[in-house]
Amino acid sequence: MKTLKFKNGKTFDFRDTSTINTLVYDCTAFADLDFIKAQFEVADNLIGGTFDGEPITGVVYTGAQVELGTDGKIVARFTARDLTEKEILEQRVSDLEDAMADLIA
């Protein structure tokens, strides 16, 4: 299992075949998926966390796909994509604006 630890400290175990761009989760109840999905949807909760012991940077959550297997188990794939250069630059500008506002205040 590979562990994803969100920035807020919540952790979840995903299949060994998972990557940061496709995280595969097995469960037996849809309520479990709602809780995980909520963690992905918290702003900036993914960046700053860790996946399989490595820091997470430069990705954004894009969605989830859920399948019901013939054995009754639920398989979810949570997907993320790399930030574009434009998005990275916009984030840096925003961070600089916030820092300047703090200095002025």
PDB file of N, CA and C in Angstrom:
ATOM      1  N   MET A   1       0.839  -1.188   0.000  1.00  0.00           N
ATOM      2  CA  MET A   1       0.000   0.000   0.000  1.00  0.00           C
ATOM      3  C   MET A   1       0.882   1.249   0.000  1.00  0.00           C
ATOM      4  N   LYS A   2       0.385   2.263  -0.682  1.00  0.00           N
ATOM      5  CA  LYS A   2       1.057   3.563  -0.693  1.00  0.00           C
ATOM      6  C   LYS A   2       0.171   4.537   0.085  1.00  0.00           C
ATOM      7  N   THR A   3       0.795   5.328   0.924  1.00  0.00           N
ATOM      8  CA  THR A   3       0.054   6.237   1.794  1.00  0.00           C
ATOM      9  C   THR A   3       0.075   7.656   1.263  1.00  0.00           C
ATOM     10  N   LEU A   4      -1.097   8.262   1.204  1.00  0.00           N
ATOM     11  CA  LEU A   4      -1.234   9.676   0.875  1.00  0.00           C
ATOM     12  C   LEU A   4      -1.554  10.408   2.169  1.00  0.00           C
ATOM     13  N   LYS A   5      -0.727  11.380   2.495  1.00  0.00           N
ATOM     14  CA  LYS A   5      -0.969  12.212   3.676  1.00  0.00           C
ATOM     15  C   LYS A   5      -1.248  13.625   3.185  1.00  0.00           C
ATOM     16  N   PHE A   6      -2.458  14.087   3.438  1.00  0.00           N
ATOM     17  CA  PHE A   6      -2.829  15.439   3.034  1.00  0.00           C
ATOM     18  C   PHE A   6      -2.131  16.461   3.923  1.00  0.00           C
ATOM     19  N   LYS A   7      -2.129  17.696   3.461  1.00  0.00           N
ATOM     20  CA  LYS A   7      -1.502  18.788   4.203  1.00  0.00           C
ATOM     21  C   LYS A   7      -2.100  18.921   5.607  1.00  0.00           C
ATOM     22  N   ASN A   8      -3.393  18.617   5.754  1.00  0.00           N
ATOM     23  CA  ASN A   8      -4.051  18.748   7.051  1.00  0.00           C
ATOM     24  C   ASN A   8      -3.811  17.542   7.970  1.00  0.00           C
ATOM     25  N   GLY A   9      -2.980  16.570   7.500  1.00  0.00           N
ATOM     26  CA  GLY A   9      -2.615  15.438   8.340  1.00  0.00           C
ATOM     27  C   GLY A   9      -3.443  14.181   8.153  1.00  0.00           C
ATOM     28  N   LYS A  10      -4.566  14.256   7.446  1.00  0.00           N
ATOM     29  CA  LYS A  10      -5.390  13.069   7.202  1.00  0.00           C
ATOM     30  C   LYS A  10      -4.644  12.133   6.248  1.00  0.00           C
ATOM     31  N   THR A  11      -4.678  10.826   6.525  1.00  0.00           N
ATOM     32  CA  THR A  11      -3.957   9.862   5.696  1.00  0.00           C
ATOM     33  C   THR A  11      -4.896   8.768   5.174  1.00  0.00           C
ATOM     34  N   PHE A  12      -4.555   8.271   3.985  1.00  0.00           N
ATOM     35  CA  PHE A  12      -5.296   7.190   3.346  1.00  0.00           C
ATOM     36  C   PHE A  12      -4.313   6.283   2.624  1.00  0.00           C
ATOM     37  N   ASP A  13      -4.609   4.989   2.610  1.00  0.00           N
ATOM     38  CA  ASP A  13      -3.772   4.015   1.913  1.00  0.00           C
ATOM     39  C   ASP A  13      -4.402   3.662   0.575  1.00  0.00           C
ATOM     40  N   PHE A  14      -3.580   3.694  -0.461  1.00  0.00           N
ATOM     41  CA  PHE A  14      -4.011   3.379  -1.818  1.00  0.00           C
ATOM     42  C   PHE A  14      -3.244   2.168  -2.323  1.00  0.00           C
ATOM     43  N   ARG A  15      -3.722   1.578  -3.415  1.00  0.00           N
ATOM     44  CA  ARG A  15      -3.061   0.412  -3.999  1.00  0.00           C
ATOM     45  C   ARG A  15      -1.599   0.719  -4.338  1.00  0.00           C
ATOM     46  N   ASP A  16      -0.771  -0.325  -4.306  1.00  0.00           N
ATOM     47  CA  ASP A  16       0.646  -0.182  -4.655  1.00  0.00           C
ATOM     48  C   ASP A  16       0.850   0.306  -6.080  1.00  0.00           C
ATOM     49  N   THR A  17      -0.104   0.051  -6.961  1.00  0.00           N
ATOM     50  CA  THR A  17       0.021   0.464  -8.358  1.00  0.00           C
ATOM     51  C   THR A  17      -0.288   1.945  -8.559  1.00  0.00           C
ATOM     52  N   SER A  18      -0.708   2.630  -7.512  1.00  0.00           N
ATOM     53  CA  SER A  18      -1.093   4.035  -7.615  1.00  0.00           C
ATOM     54  C   SER A  18       0.110   4.933  -7.884  1.00  0.00           C
ATOM     55  N   THR A  19      -0.174   6.037  -8.580  1.00  0.00           N
ATOM     56  CA  THR A  19       0.791   7.119  -8.757  1.00  0.00           C
ATOM     57  C   THR A  19       0.125   8.384  -8.241  1.00  0.00           C
ATOM     58  N   ILE A  20       0.872   9.479  -8.145  1.00  0.00           N
ATOM     59  CA  ILE A  20       0.272  10.719  -7.671  1.00  0.00           C
ATOM     60  C   ILE A  20      -0.814  11.205  -8.633  1.00  0.00           C
ATOM     61  N   ASN A  21      -0.740  10.804  -9.907  1.00  0.00           N
ATOM     62  CA  ASN A  21      -1.745  11.235 -10.872  1.00  0.00           C
ATOM     63  C   ASN A  21      -2.960  10.310 -10.945  1.00  0.00           C
ATOM     64  N   THR A  22      -2.831   9.080 -10.486  1.00  0.00           N
ATOM     65  CA  THR A  22      -3.952   8.138 -10.442  1.00  0.00           C
ATOM     66  C   THR A  22      -3.853   7.317  -9.171  1.00  0.00           C
ATOM     67  N   LEU A  23      -4.658   7.675  -8.192  1.00  0.00           N
ATOM     68  CA  LEU A  23      -4.665   6.991  -6.898  1.00  0.00           C
ATOM     69  C   LEU A  23      -5.845   6.031  -6.857  1.00  0.00           C
ATOM     70  N   VAL A  24      -5.572   4.740  -6.677  1.00  0.00           N
ATOM     71  CA  VAL A  24      -6.618   3.718  -6.709  1.00  0.00           C
ATOM     72  C   VAL A  24      -6.927   3.262  -5.282  1.00  0.00           C
ATOM     73  N   TYR A  25      -8.209   3.331  -4.921  1.00  0.00           N
ATOM     74  CA  TYR A  25      -8.656   3.039  -3.558  1.00  0.00           C
ATOM     75  C   TYR A  25      -9.748   1.983  -3.579  1.00  0.00           C
ATOM     76  N   ASP A  26      -9.608   0.963  -2.754  1.00  0.00           N
ATOM     77  CA  ASP A  26     -10.605  -0.093  -2.622  1.00  0.00           C
ATOM     78  C   ASP A  26     -11.395   0.103  -1.323  1.00  0.00           C
ATOM     79  N   CYS A  27     -12.717  -0.050  -1.394  1.00  0.00           N
ATOM     80  CA  CYS A  27     -13.528   0.053  -0.179  1.00  0.00           C
ATOM     81  C   CYS A  27     -14.830  -0.719  -0.357  1.00  0.00           C
ATOM     82  N   THR A  28     -15.604  -0.760   0.687  1.00  0.00           N
ATOM     83  CA  THR A  28     -16.882  -1.478   0.649  1.00  0.00           C
ATOM     84  C   THR A  28     -18.080  -0.561   0.847  1.00  0.00           C
ATOM     85  N   ALA A  29     -17.837   0.732   1.149  1.00  0.00           N
ATOM     86  CA  ALA A  29     -18.941   1.669   1.389  1.00  0.00           C
ATOM     87  C   ALA A  29     -18.685   2.994   0.677  1.00  0.00           C
ATOM     88  N   PHE A  30     -19.717   3.516   0.047  1.00  0.00           N
ATOM     89  CA  PHE A  30     -19.586   4.787  -0.662  1.00  0.00           C
ATOM     90  C   PHE A  30     -19.288   5.943   0.282  1.00  0.00           C
ATOM     91  N   ALA A  31     -19.692   5.846   1.532  1.00  0.00           N
ATOM     92  CA  ALA A  31     -19.430   6.909   2.506  1.00  0.00           C
ATOM     93  C   ALA A  31     -17.927   7.136   2.675  1.00  0.00           C
ATOM     94  N   ASP A  32     -17.140   6.057   2.588  1.00  0.00           N
ATOM     95  CA  ASP A  32     -15.678   6.201   2.670  1.00  0.00           C
ATOM     96  C   ASP A  32     -15.166   7.098   1.551  1.00  0.00           C
ATOM     97  N   LEU A  33     -15.721   6.936   0.374  1.00  0.00           N
ATOM     98  CA  LEU A  33     -15.282   7.725  -0.782  1.00  0.00           C
ATOM     99  C   LEU A  33     -15.641   9.193  -0.621  1.00  0.00           C
ATOM    100  N   ASP A  34     -16.808   9.458  -0.050  1.00  0.00           N
ATOM    101  CA  ASP A  34     -17.214  10.848   0.168  1.00  0.00           C
ATOM    102  C   ASP A  34     -16.225  11.558   1.073  1.00  0.00           C
ATOM    103  N   PHE A  35     -15.743  10.873   2.114  1.00  0.00           N
ATOM    104  CA  PHE A  35     -14.798  11.479   3.044  1.00  0.00           C
ATOM    105  C   PHE A  35     -13.473  11.777   2.357  1.00  0.00           C
ATOM    106  N   ILE A  36     -12.979  10.839   1.565  1.00  0.00           N
ATOM    107  CA  ILE A  36     -11.712  11.057   0.854  1.00  0.00           C
ATOM    108  C   ILE A  36     -11.870  12.170  -0.176  1.00  0.00           C
ATOM    109  N   LYS A  37     -12.950  12.137  -0.929  1.00  0.00           N
ATOM    110  CA  LYS A  37     -13.191  13.165  -1.949  1.00  0.00           C
ATOM    111  C   LYS A  37     -13.222  14.546  -1.316  1.00  0.00           C
ATOM    112  N   ALA A  38     -13.818  14.664  -0.152  1.00  0.00           N
ATOM    113  CA  ALA A  38     -13.870  15.945   0.553  1.00  0.00           C
ATOM    114  C   ALA A  38     -12.467  16.445   0.876  1.00  0.00           C
ATOM    115  N   GLN A  39     -11.549  15.538   1.213  1.00  0.00           N
ATOM    116  CA  GLN A  39     -10.172  15.939   1.511  1.00  0.00           C
ATOM    117  C   GLN A  39      -9.474  16.469   0.261  1.00  0.00           C
ATOM    118  N   PHE A  40      -9.720  15.825  -0.884  1.00  0.00           N
ATOM    119  CA  PHE A  40      -9.134  16.295  -2.136  1.00  0.00           C
ATOM    120  C   PHE A  40      -9.663  17.674  -2.504  1.00  0.00           C
ATOM    121  N   GLU A  41     -10.909  17.954  -2.163  1.00  0.00           N
ATOM    122  CA  GLU A  41     -11.551  19.203  -2.573  1.00  0.00           C
ATOM    123  C   GLU A  41     -11.220  20.383  -1.676  1.00  0.00           C
ATOM    124  N   VAL A  42     -10.578  20.149  -0.533  1.00  0.00           N
ATOM    125  CA  VAL A  42     -10.145  21.255   0.328  1.00  0.00           C
ATOM    126  C   VAL A  42      -9.021  22.001  -0.396  1.00  0.00           C
ATOM    127  N   ALA A  43      -9.139  23.309  -0.510  1.00  0.00           N
ATOM    128  CA  ALA A  43      -8.146  24.107  -1.232  1.00  0.00           C
ATOM    129  C   ALA A  43      -6.747  23.900  -0.665  1.00  0.00           C
ATOM    130  N   ASP A  44      -5.792  23.643  -1.528  1.00  0.00           N
ATOM    131  CA  ASP A  44      -4.375  23.483  -1.182  1.00  0.00           C
ATOM    132  C   ASP A  44      -4.103  22.362  -0.186  1.00  0.00           C
ATOM    133  N   ASN A  45      -4.988  21.390  -0.077  1.00  0.00           N
ATOM    134  CA  ASN A  45      -4.795  20.290   0.862  1.00  0.00           C
ATOM    135  C   ASN A  45      -3.903  19.194   0.290  1.00  0.00           C
ATOM    136  N   LEU A  46      -3.829  19.108  -1.031  1.00  0.00           N
ATOM    137  CA  LEU A  46      -2.998  18.085  -1.671  1.00  0.00           C
ATOM    138  C   LEU A  46      -1.537  18.543  -1.718  1.00  0.00           C
ATOM    139  N   ILE A  47      -1.320  19.744  -2.236  1.00  0.00           N
ATOM    140  CA  ILE A  47       0.039  20.297  -2.269  1.00  0.00           C
ATOM    141  C   ILE A  47       0.465  20.581  -0.834  1.00  0.00           C
ATOM    142  N   GLY A  48       1.642  20.108  -0.490  1.00  0.00           N
ATOM    143  CA  GLY A  48       2.122  20.253   0.880  1.00  0.00           C
ATOM    144  C   GLY A  48       1.998  18.962   1.665  1.00  0.00           C
ATOM    145  N   GLY A  49       1.291  17.996   1.095  1.00  0.00           N
ATOM    146  CA  GLY A  49       1.190  16.680   1.705  1.00  0.00           C
ATOM    147  C   GLY A  49       2.303  15.783   1.185  1.00  0.00           C
ATOM    148  N   THR A  50       2.185  14.486   1.452  1.00  0.00           N
ATOM    149  CA  THR A  50       3.163  13.528   0.940  1.00  0.00           C
ATOM    150  C   THR A  50       2.453  12.329   0.342  1.00  0.00           C
ATOM    151  N   PHE A  51       3.104  11.712  -0.635  1.00  0.00           N
ATOM    152  CA  PHE A  51       2.598  10.479  -1.224  1.00  0.00           C
ATOM    153  C   PHE A  51       3.749   9.485  -1.275  1.00  0.00           C
ATOM    154  N   ASP A  52       3.568   8.364  -0.628  1.00  0.00           N
ATOM    155  CA  ASP A  52       4.588   7.321  -0.566  1.00  0.00           C
ATOM    156  C   ASP A  52       5.910   7.901  -0.054  1.00  0.00           C
ATOM    157  N   GLY A  53       5.797   8.832   0.911  1.00  0.00           N
ATOM    158  CA  GLY A  53       6.968   9.424   1.543  1.00  0.00           C
ATOM    159  C   GLY A  53       7.584  10.592   0.801  1.00  0.00           C
ATOM    160  N   GLU A  54       7.085  10.912  -0.390  1.00  0.00           N
ATOM    161  CA  GLU A  54       7.626  12.017  -1.187  1.00  0.00           C
ATOM    162  C   GLU A  54       6.710  13.229  -1.094  1.00  0.00           C
ATOM    163  N   PRO A  55       7.294  14.439  -1.000  1.00  0.00           N
ATOM    164  CA  PRO A  55       6.464  15.645  -0.945  1.00  0.00           C
ATOM    165  C   PRO A  55       5.662  15.834  -2.238  1.00  0.00           C
ATOM    166  N   ILE A  56       4.457  16.349  -2.090  1.00  0.00           N
ATOM    167  CA  ILE A  56       3.593  16.619  -3.243  1.00  0.00           C
ATOM    168  C   ILE A  56       3.703  18.091  -3.607  1.00  0.00           C
ATOM    169  N   THR A  57       4.066  18.343  -4.855  1.00  0.00           N
ATOM    170  CA  THR A  57       4.148  19.718  -5.362  1.00  0.00           C
ATOM    171  C   THR A  57       3.650  19.744  -6.796  1.00  0.00           C
ATOM    172  N   GLY A  58       3.088  20.845  -7.197  1.00  0.00           N
ATOM    173  CA  GLY A  58       2.754  21.066  -8.596  1.00  0.00           C
ATOM    174  C   GLY A  58       1.667  20.205  -9.192  1.00  0.00           C
ATOM    175  N   VAL A  59       0.706  19.736  -8.383  1.00  0.00           N
ATOM    176  CA  VAL A  59      -0.418  18.970  -8.934  1.00  0.00           C
ATOM    177  C   VAL A  59      -1.734  19.525  -8.398  1.00  0.00           C
ATOM    178  N   VAL A  60      -2.796  19.243  -9.136  1.00  0.00           N
ATOM    179  CA  VAL A  60      -4.121  19.677  -8.726  1.00  0.00           C
ATOM    180  C   VAL A  60      -5.100  18.526  -8.955  1.00  0.00           C
ATOM    181  N   TYR A  61      -6.003  18.339  -8.016  1.00  0.00           N
ATOM    182  CA  TYR A  61      -7.032  17.289  -8.089  1.00  0.00           C
ATOM    183  C   TYR A  61      -7.968  17.576  -9.258  1.00  0.00           C
ATOM    184  N   THR A  62      -8.281  16.538 -10.046  1.00  0.00           N
ATOM    185  CA  THR A  62      -9.163  16.735 -11.192  1.00  0.00           C
ATOM    186  C   THR A  62     -10.486  15.971 -11.094  1.00  0.00           C
ATOM    187  N   GLY A  63     -10.568  14.925 -10.282  1.00  0.00           N
ATOM    188  CA  GLY A  63     -11.835  14.219 -10.168  1.00  0.00           C
ATOM    189  C   GLY A  63     -11.675  12.782  -9.726  1.00  0.00           C
ATOM    190  N   ALA A  64     -12.808  12.077  -9.738  1.00  0.00           N
ATOM    191  CA  ALA A  64     -12.819  10.682  -9.306  1.00  0.00           C
ATOM    192  C   ALA A  64     -13.714   9.863 -10.224  1.00  0.00           C
ATOM    193  N   GLN A  65     -13.340   8.612 -10.373  1.00  0.00           N
ATOM    194  CA  GLN A  65     -14.134   7.656 -11.134  1.00  0.00           C
ATOM    195  C   GLN A  65     -14.365   6.457 -10.233  1.00  0.00           C
ATOM    196  N   VAL A  66     -15.589   5.969 -10.176  1.00  0.00           N
ATOM    197  CA  VAL A  66     -15.928   4.865  -9.282  1.00  0.00           C
ATOM    198  C   VAL A  66     -16.514   3.702 -10.085  1.00  0.00           C
ATOM    199  N   GLU A  67     -16.064   2.502  -9.746  1.00  0.00           N
ATOM    200  CA  GLU A  67     -16.582   1.290 -10.385  1.00  0.00           C
ATOM    201  C   GLU A  67     -16.987   0.303  -9.297  1.00  0.00           C
ATOM    202  N   LEU A  68     -18.000  -0.479  -9.591  1.00  0.00           N
ATOM    203  CA  LEU A  68     -18.422  -1.542  -8.687  1.00  0.00           C
ATOM    204  C   LEU A  68     -18.008  -2.865  -9.325  1.00  0.00           C
ATOM    205  N   GLY A  69     -17.120  -3.589  -8.638  1.00  0.00           N
ATOM    206  CA  GLY A  69     -16.640  -4.855  -9.162  1.00  0.00           C
ATOM    207  C   GLY A  69     -17.667  -5.958  -9.031  1.00  0.00           C
ATOM    208  N   THR A  70     -17.447  -7.050  -9.750  1.00  0.00           N
ATOM    209  CA  THR A  70     -18.364  -8.188  -9.695  1.00  0.00           C
ATOM    210  C   THR A  70     -18.377  -8.828  -8.313  1.00  0.00           C
ATOM    211  N   ASP A  71     -17.301  -8.598  -7.542  1.00  0.00           N
ATOM    212  CA  ASP A  71     -17.218  -9.150  -6.192  1.00  0.00           C
ATOM    213  C   ASP A  71     -17.892  -8.248  -5.162  1.00  0.00           C
ATOM    214  N   GLY A  72     -18.487  -7.137  -5.622  1.00  0.00           N
ATOM    215  CA  GLY A  72     -19.173  -6.217  -4.725  1.00  0.00           C
ATOM    216  C   GLY A  72     -18.291  -5.147  -4.127  1.00  0.00           C
ATOM    217  N   LYS A  73     -16.995  -5.191  -4.402  1.00  0.00           N
ATOM    218  CA  LYS A  73     -16.093  -4.164  -3.877  1.00  0.00           C
ATOM    219  C   LYS A  73     -16.145  -2.923  -4.754  1.00  0.00           C
ATOM    220  N   ILE A  74     -15.940  -1.798  -4.112  1.00  0.00           N
ATOM    221  CA  ILE A  74     -15.944  -0.517  -4.800  1.00  0.00           C
ATOM    222  C   ILE A  74     -14.493  -0.130  -5.075  1.00  0.00           C
ATOM    223  N   VAL A  75     -14.220   0.256  -6.318  1.00  0.00           N
ATOM    224  CA  VAL A  75     -12.882   0.708  -6.697  1.00  0.00           C
ATOM    225  C   VAL A  75     -13.000   2.150  -7.179  1.00  0.00           C
ATOM    226  N   ALA A  76     -12.243   3.036  -6.560  1.00  0.00           N
ATOM    227  CA  ALA A  76     -12.259   4.449  -6.945  1.00  0.00           C
ATOM    228  C   ALA A  76     -10.891   4.857  -7.444  1.00  0.00           C
ATOM    229  N   ARG A  77     -10.887   5.690  -8.475  1.00  0.00           N
ATOM    230  CA  ARG A  77      -9.654   6.262  -8.997  1.00  0.00           C
ATOM    231  C   ARG A  77      -9.750   7.771  -8.847  1.00  0.00           C
ATOM    232  N   PHE A  78      -8.914   8.319  -7.996  1.00  0.00           N
ATOM    233  CA  PHE A  78      -8.833   9.763  -7.802  1.00  0.00           C
ATOM    234  C   PHE A  78      -7.700  10.259  -8.692  1.00  0.00           C
ATOM    235  N   THR A  79      -7.990  11.252  -9.517  1.00  0.00           N
ATOM    236  CA  THR A  79      -6.980  11.702 -10.465  1.00  0.00           C
ATOM    237  C   THR A  79      -6.530  13.125 -10.176  1.00  0.00           C
ATOM    238  N   ALA A  80      -5.280  13.374 -10.540  1.00  0.00           N
ATOM    239  CA  ALA A  80      -4.672  14.699 -10.407  1.00  0.00           C
ATOM    240  C   ALA A  80      -3.857  14.952 -11.665  1.00  0.00           C
ATOM    241  N   ARG A  81      -3.596  16.200 -11.944  1.00  0.00           N
ATOM    242  CA  ARG A  81      -2.758  16.556 -13.086  1.00  0.00           C
ATOM    243  C   ARG A  81      -1.699  17.551 -12.635  1.00  0.00           C
ATOM    244  N   ASP A  82      -0.645  17.624 -13.426  1.00  0.00           N
ATOM    245  CA  ASP A  82       0.407  18.590 -13.135  1.00  0.00           C
ATOM    246  C   ASP A  82      -0.109  19.992 -13.423  1.00  0.00           C
ATOM    247  N   LEU A  83       0.308  20.941 -12.598  1.00  0.00           N
ATOM    248  CA  LEU A  83      -0.034  22.335 -12.848  1.00  0.00           C
ATOM    249  C   LEU A  83       0.679  22.810 -14.112  1.00  0.00           C
ATOM    250  N   THR A  84       0.029  23.684 -14.864  1.00  0.00           N
ATOM    251  CA  THR A  84       0.672  24.271 -16.032  1.00  0.00           C
ATOM    252  C   THR A  84       1.649  25.343 -15.559  1.00  0.00           C
ATOM    253  N   GLU A  85       2.545  25.735 -16.434  1.00  0.00           N
ATOM    254  CA  GLU A  85       3.495  26.799 -16.065  1.00  0.00           C
ATOM    255  C   GLU A  85       2.751  28.082 -15.722  1.00  0.00           C
ATOM    256  N   LYS A  86       1.681  28.361 -16.456  1.00  0.00           N
ATOM    257  CA  LYS A  86       0.886  29.564 -16.183  1.00  0.00           C
ATOM    258  C   LYS A  86       0.293  29.506 -14.779  1.00  0.00           C
ATOM    259  N   GLU A  87      -0.246  28.351 -14.399  1.00  0.00           N
ATOM    260  CA  GLU A  87      -0.831  28.202 -13.067  1.00  0.00           C
ATOM    261  C   GLU A  87       0.238  28.367 -11.978  1.00  0.00           C
ATOM    262  N   ILE A  88       1.411  27.830 -12.219  1.00  0.00           N
ATOM    263  CA  ILE A  88       2.508  27.959 -11.249  1.00  0.00           C
ATOM    264  C   ILE A  88       2.899  29.427 -11.099  1.00  0.00           C
ATOM    265  N   LEU A  89       3.027  30.138 -12.214  1.00  0.00           N
ATOM    266  CA  LEU A  89       3.379  31.562 -12.158  1.00  0.00           C
ATOM    267  C   LEU A  89       2.286  32.381 -11.479  1.00  0.00           C
ATOM    268  N   GLU A  90       1.031  32.071 -11.774  1.00  0.00           N
ATOM    269  CA  GLU A  90      -0.077  32.780 -11.118  1.00  0.00           C
ATOM    270  C   GLU A  90      -0.052  32.557  -9.612  1.00  0.00           C
ATOM    271  N   GLN A  91       0.270  31.342  -9.183  1.00  0.00           N
ATOM    272  CA  GLN A  91       0.352  31.038  -7.757  1.00  0.00           C
ATOM    273  C   GLN A  91       1.488  31.821  -7.108  1.00  0.00           C
ATOM    274  N   ARG A  92       2.629  31.896  -7.787  1.00  0.00           N
ATOM    275  CA  ARG A  92       3.770  32.652  -7.253  1.00  0.00           C
ATOM    276  C   ARG A  92       3.433  34.130  -7.117  1.00  0.00           C
ATOM    277  N   VAL A  93       2.767  34.693  -8.125  1.00  0.00           N
ATOM    278  CA  VAL A  93       2.362  36.095  -8.063  1.00  0.00           C
ATOM    279  C   VAL A  93       1.400  36.303  -6.899  1.00  0.00           C
ATOM    280  N   SER A  94       0.448  35.402  -6.742  1.00  0.00           N
ATOM    281  CA  SER A  94      -0.506  35.494  -5.640  1.00  0.00           C
ATOM    282  C   SER A  94       0.214  35.433  -4.284  1.00  0.00           C
ATOM    283  N   ASP A  95       1.180  34.526  -4.164  1.00  0.00           N
ATOM    284  CA  ASP A  95       1.944  34.419  -2.919  1.00  0.00           C
ATOM    285  C   ASP A  95       2.721  35.701  -2.638  1.00  0.00           C
ATOM    286  N   LEU A  96       3.306  36.293  -3.684  1.00  0.00           N
ATOM    287  CA  LEU A  96       4.045  37.555  -3.527  1.00  0.00           C
ATOM    288  C   LEU A  96       3.110  38.693  -3.127  1.00  0.00           C
ATOM    289  N   GLU A  97       1.928  38.736  -3.729  1.00  0.00           N
ATOM    290  CA  GLU A  97       0.939  39.760  -3.363  1.00  0.00           C
ATOM    291  C   GLU A  97       0.532  39.613  -1.902  1.00  0.00           C
ATOM    292  N   ASP A  98       0.330  38.386  -1.459  1.00  0.00           N
ATOM    293  CA  ASP A  98      -0.033  38.143  -0.052  1.00  0.00           C
ATOM    294  C   ASP A  98       1.096  38.585   0.870  1.00  0.00           C
ATOM    295  N   ALA A  99       2.333  38.280   0.501  1.00  0.00           N
ATOM    296  CA  ALA A  99       3.481  38.673   1.319  1.00  0.00           C
ATOM    297  C   ALA A  99       3.597  40.192   1.398  1.00  0.00           C
ATOM    298  N   MET A 100       3.386  40.871   0.282  1.00  0.00           N
ATOM    299  CA  MET A 100       3.451  42.343   0.266  1.00  0.00           C
ATOM    300  C   MET A 100       2.334  42.939   1.128  1.00  0.00           C
ATOM    301  N   ALA A 101       1.157  42.369   1.042  1.00  0.00           N
ATOM    302  CA  ALA A 101       0.024  42.864   1.857  1.00  0.00           C
ATOM    303  C   ALA A 101       0.331  42.697   3.338  1.00  0.00           C
ATOM    304  N   ASP A 102       0.973  41.588   3.709  1.00  0.00           N
ATOM    305  CA  ASP A 102       1.346  41.369   5.107  1.00  0.00           C
ATOM    306  C   ASP A 102       2.383  42.387   5.566  1.00  0.00           C
ATOM    307  N   LEU A 103       3.313  42.742   4.690  1.00  0.00           N
ATOM    308  CA  LEU A 103       4.349  43.719   5.039  1.00  0.00           C
ATOM    309  C   LEU A 103       3.775  45.111   5.216  1.00  0.00           C
ATOM    310  N   ILE A 104       2.790  45.433   4.389  1.00  0.00           N
ATOM    311  CA  ILE A 104       2.179  46.765   4.430  1.00  0.00           C
ATOM    312  C   ILE A 104       1.249  46.921   5.631  1.00  0.00           C
ATOM    313  N   ALA A 105       0.584  45.836   6.003  1.00  0.00           N
ATOM    314  CA  ALA A 105      -0.406  45.892   7.073  1.00  0.00           C
ATOM    315  C   ALA A 105       0.215  46.089   8.439  1.00  0.00           C
TER     316      ALA A 105
END
